[in-house]
Amino acid sequence: MDHSYEELGSVALDILAGREKGTWEASQYEHLKKSISDALETRSRGQQTVNSSLSAHDSELFLELFWDLFRQGIITLGLNDYNREFPWFRVTPFGK
């Protein structure tokens, strides 16, 4: 099932803010993507789902969403000084 940009964004922000526990640590692009997919499946089925995947449509929207979060200063690239580049990321102080 395809979702709207707003639905994906809402779930992403819940995971990044810690309001919803992701199935993967939200420190890499693919992990956040998988956690969003699992959360959407869990919400629609009413039970925890692991290892679901986003549709092609939702994957494209997630790509846009990820870079929008970066441009807005909510996330920044790099986990730490040893992992400074994409696909690693972290929530910025502004994002917190």
PDB file of N, CA and C in Angstrom:
ATOM      1  N   MET A   1       0.841  -1.180   0.000  1.00  0.00           N
ATOM      2  CA  MET A   1       0.000   0.000   0.000  1.00  0.00           C
ATOM      3  C   MET A   1       0.885   1.243   0.000  1.00  0.00           C
ATOM      4  N   ASP A   2       0.573   2.180  -0.844  1.00  0.00           N
ATOM      5  CA  ASP A   2       1.330   3.425  -0.915  1.00  0.00           C
ATOM      6  C   ASP A   2       0.844   4.395   0.155  1.00  0.00           C
ATOM      7  N   HIS A   3       1.768   5.202   0.631  1.00  0.00           N
ATOM      8  CA  HIS A   3       1.473   6.183   1.665  1.00  0.00           C
ATOM      9  C   HIS A   3       1.808   7.575   1.147  1.00  0.00           C
ATOM     10  N   SER A   4       1.303   8.563   1.851  1.00  0.00           N
ATOM     11  CA  SER A   4       1.595   9.943   1.468  1.00  0.00           C
ATOM     12  C   SER A   4       2.926  10.377   2.091  1.00  0.00           C
ATOM     13  N   TYR A   5       3.462  11.452   1.554  1.00  0.00           N
ATOM     14  CA  TYR A   5       4.680  12.051   2.090  1.00  0.00           C
ATOM     15  C   TYR A   5       4.475  12.392   3.569  1.00  0.00           C
ATOM     16  N   GLU A   6       3.305  12.910   3.894  1.00  0.00           N
ATOM     17  CA  GLU A   6       2.995  13.314   5.264  1.00  0.00           C
ATOM     18  C   GLU A   6       2.970  12.114   6.201  1.00  0.00           C
ATOM     19  N   GLU A   7       2.410  10.985   5.751  1.00  0.00           N
ATOM     20  CA  GLU A   7       2.393   9.782   6.578  1.00  0.00           C
ATOM     21  C   GLU A   7       3.804   9.277   6.858  1.00  0.00           C
ATOM     22  N   LEU A   8       4.625   9.223   5.813  1.00  0.00           N
ATOM     23  CA  LEU A   8       6.006   8.781   5.992  1.00  0.00           C
ATOM     24  C   LEU A   8       6.755   9.742   6.912  1.00  0.00           C
ATOM     25  N   GLY A   9       6.540  11.032   6.722  1.00  0.00           N
ATOM     26  CA  GLY A   9       7.206  12.031   7.545  1.00  0.00           C
ATOM     27  C   GLY A   9       6.815  11.939   9.005  1.00  0.00           C
ATOM     28  N   SER A  10       5.548  11.701   9.258  1.00  0.00           N
ATOM     29  CA  SER A  10       5.065  11.582  10.626  1.00  0.00           C
ATOM     30  C   SER A  10       5.722  10.398  11.336  1.00  0.00           C
ATOM     31  N   VAL A  11       5.787   9.272  10.663  1.00  0.00           N
ATOM     32  CA  VAL A  11       6.421   8.085  11.253  1.00  0.00           C
ATOM     33  C   VAL A  11       7.914   8.328  11.447  1.00  0.00           C
ATOM     34  N   ALA A  12       8.577   8.924  10.458  1.00  0.00           N
ATOM     35  CA  ALA A  12      10.010   9.197  10.566  1.00  0.00           C
ATOM     36  C   ALA A  12      10.297  10.095  11.768  1.00  0.00           C
ATOM     37  N   LEU A  13       9.523  11.143  11.939  1.00  0.00           N
ATOM     38  CA  LEU A  13       9.741  12.052  13.066  1.00  0.00           C
ATOM     39  C   LEU A  13       9.474  11.364  14.394  1.00  0.00           C
ATOM     40  N   ASP A  14       8.458  10.497  14.452  1.00  0.00           N
ATOM     41  CA  ASP A  14       8.191   9.744  15.680  1.00  0.00           C
ATOM     42  C   ASP A  14       9.374   8.847  16.036  1.00  0.00           C
ATOM     43  N   ILE A  15       9.960   8.220  15.041  1.00  0.00           N
ATOM     44  CA  ILE A  15      11.116   7.350  15.284  1.00  0.00           C
ATOM     45  C   ILE A  15      12.336   8.175  15.686  1.00  0.00           C
ATOM     46  N   LEU A  16      12.615   9.234  14.955  1.00  0.00           N
ATOM     47  CA  LEU A  16      13.779  10.064  15.261  1.00  0.00           C
ATOM     48  C   LEU A  16      13.671  10.738  16.622  1.00  0.00           C
ATOM     49  N   ALA A  17      12.453  11.077  17.043  1.00  0.00           N
ATOM     50  CA  ALA A  17      12.239  11.729  18.337  1.00  0.00           C
ATOM     51  C   ALA A  17      12.162  10.727  19.485  1.00  0.00           C
ATOM     52  N   GLY A  18      12.121   9.438  19.152  1.00  0.00           N
ATOM     53  CA  GLY A  18      12.035   8.418  20.188  1.00  0.00           C
ATOM     54  C   GLY A  18      10.628   8.166  20.688  1.00  0.00           C
ATOM     55  N   ARG A  19       9.630   8.745  20.024  1.00  0.00           N
ATOM     56  CA  ARG A  19       8.233   8.509  20.417  1.00  0.00           C
ATOM     57  C   ARG A  19       7.752   7.136  19.964  1.00  0.00           C
ATOM     58  N   GLU A  20       8.425   6.601  18.966  1.00  0.00           N
ATOM     59  CA  GLU A  20       8.128   5.260  18.476  1.00  0.00           C
ATOM     60  C   GLU A  20       9.452   4.523  18.336  1.00  0.00           C
ATOM     61  N   LYS A  21       9.487   3.326  18.861  1.00  0.00           N
ATOM     62  CA  LYS A  21      10.725   2.550  18.799  1.00  0.00           C
ATOM     63  C   LYS A  21      10.824   1.883  17.437  1.00  0.00           C
ATOM     64  N   GLY A  22      11.889   2.183  16.732  1.00  0.00           N
ATOM     65  CA  GLY A  22      12.126   1.543  15.448  1.00  0.00           C
ATOM     66  C   GLY A  22      12.698   0.153  15.637  1.00  0.00           C
ATOM     67  N   THR A  23      12.515  -0.699  14.659  1.00  0.00           N
ATOM     68  CA  THR A  23      13.058  -2.050  14.734  1.00  0.00           C
ATOM     69  C   THR A  23      14.553  -2.053  14.459  1.00  0.00           C
ATOM     70  N   TRP A  24      15.048  -0.963  13.915  1.00  0.00           N
ATOM     71  CA  TRP A  24      16.466  -0.796  13.623  1.00  0.00           C
ATOM     72  C   TRP A  24      16.913   0.509  14.253  1.00  0.00           C
ATOM     73  N   GLU A  25      18.170   0.608  14.631  1.00  0.00           N
ATOM     74  CA  GLU A  25      18.683   1.867  15.152  1.00  0.00           C
ATOM     75  C   GLU A  25      18.699   2.893  14.022  1.00  0.00           C
ATOM     76  N   ALA A  26      18.124   4.038  14.278  1.00  0.00           N
ATOM     77  CA  ALA A  26      18.005   5.065  13.240  1.00  0.00           C
ATOM     78  C   ALA A  26      19.304   5.848  13.122  1.00  0.00           C
ATOM     79  N   SER A  27      20.318   5.184  12.574  1.00  0.00           N
ATOM     80  CA  SER A  27      21.607   5.839  12.389  1.00  0.00           C
ATOM     81  C   SER A  27      22.138   5.645  10.966  1.00  0.00           C
ATOM     82  N   GLN A  28      21.402   4.892  10.161  1.00  0.00           N
ATOM     83  CA  GLN A  28      21.757   4.694   8.755  1.00  0.00           C
ATOM     84  C   GLN A  28      20.495   4.841   7.910  1.00  0.00           C
ATOM     85  N   TYR A  29      20.677   5.296   6.709  1.00  0.00           N
ATOM     86  CA  TYR A  29      19.564   5.524   5.787  1.00  0.00           C
ATOM     87  C   TYR A  29      18.655   4.298   5.683  1.00  0.00           C
ATOM     88  N   GLU A  30      19.216   3.148   5.366  1.00  0.00           N
ATOM     89  CA  GLU A  30      18.400   1.937   5.173  1.00  0.00           C
ATOM     90  C   GLU A  30      17.724   1.495   6.461  1.00  0.00           C
ATOM     91  N   HIS A  31      18.370   1.700   7.592  1.00  0.00           N
ATOM     92  CA  HIS A  31      17.763   1.306   8.863  1.00  0.00           C
ATOM     93  C   HIS A  31      16.532   2.153   9.178  1.00  0.00           C
ATOM     94  N   LEU A  32      16.623   3.450   8.926  1.00  0.00           N
ATOM     95  CA  LEU A  32      15.455   4.305   9.137  1.00  0.00           C
ATOM     96  C   LEU A  32      14.346   3.902   8.174  1.00  0.00           C
ATOM     97  N   LYS A  33      14.699   3.638   6.943  1.00  0.00           N
ATOM     98  CA  LYS A  33      13.717   3.218   5.932  1.00  0.00           C
ATOM     99  C   LYS A  33      13.002   1.937   6.367  1.00  0.00           C
ATOM    100  N   LYS A  34      13.760   0.956   6.853  1.00  0.00           N
ATOM    101  CA  LYS A  34      13.160  -0.308   7.304  1.00  0.00           C
ATOM    102  C   LYS A  34      12.296  -0.102   8.542  1.00  0.00           C
ATOM    103  N   SER A  35      12.747   0.745   9.463  1.00  0.00           N
ATOM    104  CA  SER A  35      11.952   1.013  10.660  1.00  0.00           C
ATOM    105  C   SER A  35      10.635   1.690  10.320  1.00  0.00           C
ATOM    106  N   ILE A  36      10.656   2.592   9.361  1.00  0.00           N
ATOM    107  CA  ILE A  36       9.421   3.255   8.924  1.00  0.00           C
ATOM    108  C   ILE A  36       8.479   2.227   8.309  1.00  0.00           C
ATOM    109  N   SER A  37       9.010   1.369   7.467  1.00  0.00           N
ATOM    110  CA  SER A  37       8.189   0.342   6.842  1.00  0.00           C
ATOM    111  C   SER A  37       7.561  -0.580   7.886  1.00  0.00           C
ATOM    112  N   ASP A  38       8.365  -1.020   8.839  1.00  0.00           N
ATOM    113  CA  ASP A  38       7.854  -1.898   9.897  1.00  0.00           C
ATOM    114  C   ASP A  38       6.790  -1.197  10.733  1.00  0.00           C
ATOM    115  N   ALA A  39       7.024   0.077  11.052  1.00  0.00           N
ATOM    116  CA  ALA A  39       6.054   0.834  11.848  1.00  0.00           C
ATOM    117  C   ALA A  39       4.730   1.001  11.104  1.00  0.00           C
ATOM    118  N   LEU A  40       4.800   1.282   9.811  1.00  0.00           N
ATOM    119  CA  LEU A  40       3.571   1.413   9.020  1.00  0.00           C
ATOM    120  C   LEU A  40       2.808   0.097   8.976  1.00  0.00           C
ATOM    121  N   GLU A  41       3.521  -1.006   8.805  1.00  0.00           N
ATOM    122  CA  GLU A  41       2.875  -2.322   8.798  1.00  0.00           C
ATOM    123  C   GLU A  41       2.255  -2.633  10.153  1.00  0.00           C
ATOM    124  N   THR A  42       2.978  -2.322  11.226  1.00  0.00           N
ATOM    125  CA  THR A  42       2.474  -2.564  12.571  1.00  0.00           C
ATOM    126  C   THR A  42       1.202  -1.757  12.814  1.00  0.00           C
ATOM    127  N   ARG A  43       1.218  -0.510  12.397  1.00  0.00           N
ATOM    128  CA  ARG A  43       0.035   0.340  12.579  1.00  0.00           C
ATOM    129  C   ARG A  43      -1.155  -0.182  11.796  1.00  0.00           C
ATOM    130  N   SER A  44      -0.932  -0.667  10.595  1.00  0.00           N
ATOM    131  CA  SER A  44      -2.055  -1.114   9.775  1.00  0.00           C
ATOM    132  C   SER A  44      -2.574  -2.483  10.197  1.00  0.00           C
ATOM    133  N   ARG A  45      -1.707  -3.339  10.712  1.00  0.00           N
ATOM    134  CA  ARG A  45      -2.116  -4.692  11.103  1.00  0.00           C
ATOM    135  C   ARG A  45      -2.424  -4.825  12.588  1.00  0.00           C
ATOM    136  N   GLY A  46      -1.970  -3.862  13.386  1.00  0.00           N
ATOM    137  CA  GLY A  46      -2.219  -3.921  14.813  1.00  0.00           C
ATOM    138  C   GLY A  46      -1.306  -4.874  15.552  1.00  0.00           C
ATOM    139  N   GLN A  47      -0.295  -5.377  14.895  1.00  0.00           N
ATOM    140  CA  GLN A  47       0.681  -6.239  15.553  1.00  0.00           C
ATOM    141  C   GLN A  47       2.057  -5.921  15.002  1.00  0.00           C
ATOM    142  N   GLN A  48       3.081  -6.220  15.806  1.00  0.00           N
ATOM    143  CA  GLN A  48       4.429  -5.865  15.391  1.00  0.00           C
ATOM    144  C   GLN A  48       4.860  -6.669  14.170  1.00  0.00           C
ATOM    145  N   THR A  49       5.411  -5.967  13.217  1.00  0.00           N
ATOM    146  CA  THR A  49       5.914  -6.572  11.991  1.00  0.00           C
ATOM    147  C   THR A  49       7.374  -6.189  11.843  1.00  0.00           C
ATOM    148  N   VAL A  50       8.189  -7.132  11.425  1.00  0.00           N
ATOM    149  CA  VAL A  50       9.611  -6.882  11.224  1.00  0.00           C
ATOM    150  C   VAL A  50       9.981  -7.324   9.819  1.00  0.00           C
ATOM    151  N   ASN A  51      10.881  -6.580   9.198  1.00  0.00           N
ATOM    152  CA  ASN A  51      11.406  -6.898   7.868  1.00  0.00           C
ATOM    153  C   ASN A  51      10.387  -6.721   6.746  1.00  0.00           C
ATOM    154  N   SER A  52       9.479  -5.784   6.901  1.00  0.00           N
ATOM    155  CA  SER A  52       8.623  -5.421   5.780  1.00  0.00           C
ATOM    156  C   SER A  52       9.430  -4.489   4.885  1.00  0.00           C
ATOM    157  N   SER A  53       8.883  -4.125   3.748  1.00  0.00           N
ATOM    158  CA  SER A  53       9.613  -3.203   2.872  1.00  0.00           C
ATOM    159  C   SER A  53       8.634  -2.199   2.279  1.00  0.00           C
ATOM    160  N   LEU A  54       9.158  -1.027   1.992  1.00  0.00           N
ATOM    161  CA  LEU A  54       8.345   0.014   1.378  1.00  0.00           C
ATOM    162  C   LEU A  54       8.106  -0.310  -0.086  1.00  0.00           C
ATOM    163  N   SER A  55       6.987   0.130  -0.595  1.00  0.00           N
ATOM    164  CA  SER A  55       6.703  -0.009  -2.024  1.00  0.00           C
ATOM    165  C   SER A  55       7.678   0.881  -2.799  1.00  0.00           C
ATOM    166  N   ALA A  56       7.742   0.689  -4.087  1.00  0.00           N
ATOM    167  CA  ALA A  56       8.616   1.520  -4.924  1.00  0.00           C
ATOM    168  C   ALA A  56       8.229   2.995  -4.785  1.00  0.00           C
ATOM    169  N   HIS A  57       6.932   3.272  -4.767  1.00  0.00           N
ATOM    170  CA  HIS A  57       6.427   4.639  -4.596  1.00  0.00           C
ATOM    171  C   HIS A  57       6.894   5.214  -3.270  1.00  0.00           C
ATOM    172  N   ASP A  58       6.706   4.459  -2.182  1.00  0.00           N
ATOM    173  CA  ASP A  58       7.093   4.930  -0.861  1.00  0.00           C
ATOM    174  C   ASP A  58       8.606   5.080  -0.738  1.00  0.00           C
ATOM    175  N   SER A  59       9.364   4.226  -1.380  1.00  0.00           N
ATOM    176  CA  SER A  59      10.826   4.334  -1.355  1.00  0.00           C
ATOM    177  C   SER A  59      11.283   5.639  -1.984  1.00  0.00           C
ATOM    178  N   GLU A  60      10.645   6.018  -3.083  1.00  0.00           N
ATOM    179  CA  GLU A  60      10.984   7.298  -3.722  1.00  0.00           C
ATOM    180  C   GLU A  60      10.612   8.475  -2.824  1.00  0.00           C
ATOM    181  N   LEU A  61       9.443   8.387  -2.174  1.00  0.00           N
ATOM    182  CA  LEU A  61       9.045   9.454  -1.251  1.00  0.00           C
ATOM    183  C   LEU A  61       9.997   9.530  -0.072  1.00  0.00           C
ATOM    184  N   PHE A  62      10.433   8.372   0.424  1.00  0.00           N
ATOM    185  CA  PHE A  62      11.359   8.371   1.550  1.00  0.00           C
ATOM    186  C   PHE A  62      12.670   9.043   1.172  1.00  0.00           C
ATOM    187  N   LEU A  63      13.141   8.811  -0.031  1.00  0.00           N
ATOM    188  CA  LEU A  63      14.369   9.462  -0.490  1.00  0.00           C
ATOM    189  C   LEU A  63      14.217  10.985  -0.416  1.00  0.00           C
ATOM    190  N   GLU A  64      13.099  11.494  -0.901  1.00  0.00           N
ATOM    191  CA  GLU A  64      12.830  12.932  -0.827  1.00  0.00           C
ATOM    192  C   GLU A  64      12.744  13.398   0.626  1.00  0.00           C
ATOM    193  N   LEU A  65      12.036  12.634   1.440  1.00  0.00           N
ATOM    194  CA  LEU A  65      11.857  12.970   2.849  1.00  0.00           C
ATOM    195  C   LEU A  65      13.198  13.034   3.569  1.00  0.00           C
ATOM    196  N   PHE A  66      14.048  12.042   3.343  1.00  0.00           N
ATOM    197  CA  PHE A  66      15.352  12.007   4.001  1.00  0.00           C
ATOM    198  C   PHE A  66      16.138  13.288   3.712  1.00  0.00           C
ATOM    199  N   TRP A  67      16.207  13.665   2.442  1.00  0.00           N
ATOM    200  CA  TRP A  67      16.987  14.849   2.089  1.00  0.00           C
ATOM    201  C   TRP A  67      16.290  16.134   2.531  1.00  0.00           C
ATOM    202  N   ASP A  68      14.968  16.124   2.632  1.00  0.00           N
ATOM    203  CA  ASP A  68      14.268  17.281   3.196  1.00  0.00           C
ATOM    204  C   ASP A  68      14.616  17.441   4.676  1.00  0.00           C
ATOM    205  N   LEU A  69      14.669  16.338   5.417  1.00  0.00           N
ATOM    206  CA  LEU A  69      15.055  16.392   6.831  1.00  0.00           C
ATOM    207  C   LEU A  69      16.475  16.941   6.972  1.00  0.00           C
ATOM    208  N   PHE A  70      17.350  16.570   6.052  1.00  0.00           N
ATOM    209  CA  PHE A  70      18.719  17.082   6.047  1.00  0.00           C
ATOM    210  C   PHE A  70      18.722  18.580   5.755  1.00  0.00           C
ATOM    211  N   ARG A  71      18.007  19.006   4.715  1.00  0.00           N
ATOM    212  CA  ARG A  71      17.976  20.430   4.346  1.00  0.00           C
ATOM    213  C   ARG A  71      17.362  21.295   5.444  1.00  0.00           C
ATOM    214  N   GLN A  72      16.407  20.726   6.186  1.00  0.00           N
ATOM    215  CA  GLN A  72      15.760  21.471   7.271  1.00  0.00           C
ATOM    216  C   GLN A  72      16.614  21.516   8.535  1.00  0.00           C
ATOM    217  N   GLY A  73      17.709  20.779   8.543  1.00  0.00           N
ATOM    218  CA  GLY A  73      18.599  20.776   9.696  1.00  0.00           C
ATOM    219  C   GLY A  73      18.161  19.848  10.807  1.00  0.00           C
ATOM    220  N   ILE A  74      17.231  18.955  10.539  1.00  0.00           N
ATOM    221  CA  ILE A  74      16.763  18.004  11.551  1.00  0.00           C
ATOM    222  C   ILE A  74      17.760  16.858  11.717  1.00  0.00           C
ATOM    223  N   ILE A  75      18.346  16.436  10.611  1.00  0.00           N
ATOM    224  CA  ILE A  75      19.405  15.425  10.649  1.00  0.00           C
ATOM    225  C   ILE A  75      20.636  15.978   9.935  1.00  0.00           C
ATOM    226  N   THR A  76      21.763  15.397  10.225  1.00  0.00           N
ATOM    227  CA  THR A  76      22.993  15.740   9.530  1.00  0.00           C
ATOM    228  C   THR A  76      23.724  14.452   9.188  1.00  0.00           C
ATOM    229  N   LEU A  77      24.575  14.511   8.214  1.00  0.00           N
ATOM    230  CA  LEU A  77      25.294  13.321   7.793  1.00  0.00           C
ATOM    231  C   LEU A  77      26.392  12.983   8.785  1.00  0.00           C
ATOM    232  N   GLY A  78      26.648  11.708   8.921  1.00  0.00           N
ATOM    233  CA  GLY A  78      27.703  11.227   9.790  1.00  0.00           C
ATOM    234  C   GLY A  78      27.183  10.838  11.161  1.00  0.00           C
ATOM    235  N   LEU A  79      27.673   9.713  11.639  1.00  0.00           N
ATOM    236  CA  LEU A  79      27.301   9.235  12.967  1.00  0.00           C
ATOM    237  C   LEU A  79      28.204   9.864  14.027  1.00  0.00           C
ATOM    238  N   ASN A  80      29.491   9.959  13.698  1.00  0.00           N
ATOM    239  CA  ASN A  80      30.489  10.531  14.599  1.00  0.00           C
ATOM    240  C   ASN A  80      31.735  10.831  13.777  1.00  0.00           C
ATOM    241  N   ASP A  81      32.842  11.118  14.448  1.00  0.00           N
ATOM    242  CA  ASP A  81      34.061  11.482  13.723  1.00  0.00           C
ATOM    243  C   ASP A  81      34.638  10.316  12.915  1.00  0.00           C
ATOM    244  N   TYR A  82      34.313   9.089  13.288  1.00  0.00           N
ATOM    245  CA  TYR A  82      34.814   7.917  12.567  1.00  0.00           C
ATOM    246  C   TYR A  82      33.909   7.498  11.412  1.00  0.00           C
ATOM    247  N   ASN A  83      32.665   7.881  11.469  1.00  0.00           N
ATOM    248  CA  ASN A  83      31.676   7.572  10.430  1.00  0.00           C
ATOM    249  C   ASN A  83      31.017   8.887  10.027  1.00  0.00           C
ATOM    250  N   ARG A  84      31.725   9.657   9.207  1.00  0.00           N
ATOM    251  CA  ARG A  84      31.325  11.030   8.913  1.00  0.00           C
ATOM    252  C   ARG A  84      30.442  11.187   7.703  1.00  0.00           C
ATOM    253  N   GLU A  85      30.159  10.126   6.991  1.00  0.00           N
ATOM    254  CA  GLU A  85      29.502  10.277   5.705  1.00  0.00           C
ATOM    255  C   GLU A  85      28.231   9.440   5.606  1.00  0.00           C
ATOM    256  N   PHE A  86      27.484   9.730   4.565  1.00  0.00           N
ATOM    257  CA  PHE A  86      26.321   8.939   4.206  1.00  0.00           C
ATOM    258  C   PHE A  86      26.775   7.497   3.982  1.00  0.00           C
ATOM    259  N   PRO A  87      26.046   6.482   4.419  1.00  0.00           N
ATOM    260  CA  PRO A  87      24.647   6.459   4.835  1.00  0.00           C
ATOM    261  C   PRO A  87      24.419   6.742   6.307  1.00  0.00           C
ATOM    262  N   TRP A  88      25.487   7.020   7.071  1.00  0.00           N
ATOM    263  CA  TRP A  88      25.325   7.338   8.486  1.00  0.00           C
ATOM    264  C   TRP A  88      24.708   8.721   8.633  1.00  0.00           C
ATOM    265  N   PHE A  89      23.893   8.886   9.686  1.00  0.00           N
ATOM    266  CA  PHE A  89      23.330  10.195   9.999  1.00  0.00           C
ATOM    267  C   PHE A  89      22.972  10.235  11.471  1.00  0.00           C
ATOM    268  N   ARG A  90      22.678  11.423  11.946  1.00  0.00           N
ATOM    269  CA  ARG A  90      22.233  11.594  13.331  1.00  0.00           C
ATOM    270  C   ARG A  90      21.298  12.797  13.408  1.00  0.00           C
ATOM    271  N   VAL A  91      20.524  12.837  14.454  1.00  0.00           N
ATOM    272  CA  VAL A  91      19.634  13.971  14.698  1.00  0.00           C
ATOM    273  C   VAL A  91      20.492  15.116  15.233  1.00  0.00           C
ATOM    274  N   THR A  92      20.266  16.290  14.709  1.00  0.00           N
ATOM    275  CA  THR A  92      21.022  17.473  15.132  1.00  0.00           C
ATOM    276  C   THR A  92      20.461  18.010  16.444  1.00  0.00           C
ATOM    277  N   PRO A  93      21.206  18.870  17.118  1.00  0.00           N
ATOM    278  CA  PRO A  93      20.643  19.532  18.298  1.00  0.00           C
ATOM    279  C   PRO A  93      19.352  20.289  17.958  1.00  0.00           C
ATOM    280  N   PHE A  94      19.313  20.929  16.808  1.00  0.00           N
ATOM    281  CA  PHE A  94      18.093  21.599  16.350  1.00  0.00           C
ATOM    282  C   PHE A  94      16.947  20.602  16.200  1.00  0.00           C
ATOM    283  N   GLY A  95      17.254  19.439  15.626  1.00  0.00           N
ATOM    284  CA  GLY A  95      16.235  18.406  15.429  1.00  0.00           C
ATOM    285  C   GLY A  95      15.680  17.849  16.733  1.00  0.00           C
ATOM    286  N   LYS A  96      16.518  17.839  17.746  1.00  0.00           N
ATOM    287  CA  LYS A  96      16.077  17.345  19.060  1.00  0.00           C
ATOM    288  C   LYS A  96      15.116  18.324  19.676  1.00  0.00           C
TER     289      LYS A  96
END
